[in-house]
Amino acid sequence: MSSLFTGDELERYSKKFICFLYESTSGDLNKSHKAIDIFFQAISTGAYERPSYGYQATNEIVRKLKNEGLIELVSSSSVRLTSNGLEKCKKDCT
């Protein structure tokens, strides 16, 4: 499966994603949020008319942030910040 994003886009959208997660959970590591909702609220403002693109884009962003240790999966659809993610958000999202 090819990527929907360039490297720069993935970086930019990942930052938007994690900052929205930080804001929506008030930085509480015990709170989670649905990943697809974060994508459609924080990143896509109608850019993807076909939901399948939204799901693929969300999966790419989640995979990147999870591999960097900034978020963790709580369920098949929800994510939450890790302590490393919280520290990054405190620096990058305020």
Protein backbone atom coordinates (compact mmCIF):
# COMPACT_ATOMS: atom_id res chain seq x y z
CA MET A 1 0.00 0.00 0.00
CA SER A 2 1.45 3.34 -0.98
CA SER A 3 1.46 6.33 1.33
CA LEU A 4 -1.07 9.11 0.96
CA PHE A 5 1.44 11.62 2.31
CA THR A 6 4.86 12.98 1.51
CA GLY A 7 7.35 12.89 4.38
CA ASP A 8 6.72 16.56 5.17
CA GLU A 9 2.95 16.10 5.13
CA LEU A 10 3.19 13.12 7.45
CA GLU A 11 5.28 15.15 9.90
CA ARG A 12 2.88 18.10 9.78
CA TYR A 13 -0.28 16.01 10.12
CA SER A 14 1.24 13.88 12.87
CA LYS A 15 1.95 17.04 14.86
CA LYS A 16 -1.61 18.29 14.36
CA PHE A 17 -2.92 14.87 15.39
CA ILE A 18 -0.90 14.59 18.58
CA CYS A 19 -1.55 18.22 19.58
CA PHE A 20 -5.29 17.70 19.14
CA LEU A 21 -5.07 14.54 21.26
CA TYR A 22 -3.17 16.51 23.91
CA GLU A 23 -5.75 19.30 23.94
CA SER A 24 -8.80 17.02 23.84
CA THR A 25 -7.56 14.94 26.77
CA SER A 26 -6.13 17.91 28.70
CA GLY A 27 -2.84 16.02 28.78
CA ASP A 28 -4.35 13.22 30.92
CA LEU A 29 -2.52 9.97 30.13
CA ASN A 30 -5.56 7.96 31.27
CA LYS A 31 -7.90 9.53 28.72
CA SER A 32 -8.19 8.25 25.19
CA HIS A 33 -9.79 9.49 22.00
CA LYS A 34 -10.95 7.81 18.79
CA ALA A 35 -8.18 8.17 16.22
CA ILE A 36 -10.49 8.60 13.23
CA ASP A 37 -12.36 11.41 15.03
CA ILE A 38 -9.07 13.21 15.65
CA PHE A 39 -8.24 12.94 11.96
CA PHE A 40 -11.55 14.34 10.76
CA GLN A 41 -11.67 17.10 13.41
CA ALA A 42 -8.04 18.23 13.41
CA ILE A 43 -6.62 17.39 10.01
CA SER A 44 -9.22 16.80 7.35
CA THR A 45 -11.67 19.56 6.83
CA GLY A 46 -13.51 17.69 4.13
CA ALA A 47 -10.39 16.95 2.11
CA TYR A 48 -11.24 13.27 1.90
CA GLU A 49 -14.71 12.67 0.55
CA ARG A 50 -14.20 8.91 0.64
CA PRO A 51 -13.99 7.62 4.22
CA SER A 52 -11.56 4.89 3.17
CA TYR A 53 -8.94 7.59 2.52
CA GLY A 54 -9.56 8.99 5.98
CA TYR A 55 -9.03 5.58 7.52
CA GLN A 56 -5.84 4.97 5.54
CA ALA A 57 -4.50 8.43 6.45
CA THR A 58 -5.36 7.90 10.12
CA ASN A 59 -3.62 4.52 10.12
CA GLU A 60 -0.45 6.05 8.65
CA ILE A 61 -0.38 8.80 11.27
CA VAL A 62 -1.14 6.42 14.16
CA ARG A 63 1.52 3.96 12.98
CA LYS A 64 4.13 6.73 12.82
CA LEU A 65 3.31 8.15 16.26
CA LYS A 66 3.10 4.67 17.82
CA ASN A 67 6.48 3.68 16.33
CA GLU A 68 7.96 6.86 17.83
CA GLY A 69 6.52 5.90 21.25
CA LEU A 70 4.34 9.02 21.46
CA ILE A 71 0.93 7.31 21.56
CA GLU A 72 -0.40 3.88 22.38
CA LEU A 73 -3.43 1.98 21.19
CA VAL A 74 -6.11 1.53 23.85
CA SER A 75 -8.44 -0.40 21.55
CA SER A 76 -8.70 -0.99 17.84
CA SER A 77 -9.99 2.55 17.38
CA SER A 78 -8.77 4.62 20.36
CA VAL A 79 -5.38 6.07 21.25
CA ARG A 80 -3.85 7.88 24.18
CA LEU A 81 -0.64 9.75 24.86
CA THR A 82 2.37 8.08 26.39
CA SER A 83 4.56 9.93 28.89
CA ASN A 84 7.02 10.62 26.01
CA GLY A 85 4.14 11.96 23.94
CA LEU A 86 3.03 14.18 26.79
CA GLU A 87 6.52 15.68 27.11
CA LYS A 88 6.71 16.29 23.36
CA CYS A 89 3.30 17.98 23.41
CA LYS A 90 4.30 20.23 26.28
CA LYS A 91 7.18 21.48 24.11
CA ASP A 92 5.57 21.51 20.67
CA CYS A 93 1.86 22.18 21.18
CA THR A 94 1.72 25.21 23.44
